[in-house]
Amino acid sequence: MEPFNGLGVQLGNLARLSDAESRSISPENPTGEKGKGAMALPDLKTSLVVDADHAEFMFLNRVILQACSAEVSERFPSAAELLAALVEAEQRLSAAH
């Protein structure tokens, strides 16, 4: 067994060398104030009107879900087919605007 050599110089011990407190800085809490993280609420739509490009975004969503499927058999069989679906989604979205 090695003799005790203090705190050592490993990075994992650096926090023990200071009494500083860490705070998370984020858009919701730009000052890092304690207890103020994740306070922002997302802007929610106030109406149920469907956007003109809703169908196009749903198509893109289906492409992404298929590409990320946990079941390998449900994913795109090739990168070329994924690319073709992404190009189609881009064309649909461009046409909607």
Foldseek 3Di string as FASTA:
>chain_A
DDDDDPQDDDPVSPPVVDPDDDFDDDPQHNPRDPPRPPVDDDDDDPDPDQDLCNVLVVLVVVLVCQCPPPDPVSHDPDPVVSVVSVVVSVVSVVVSD
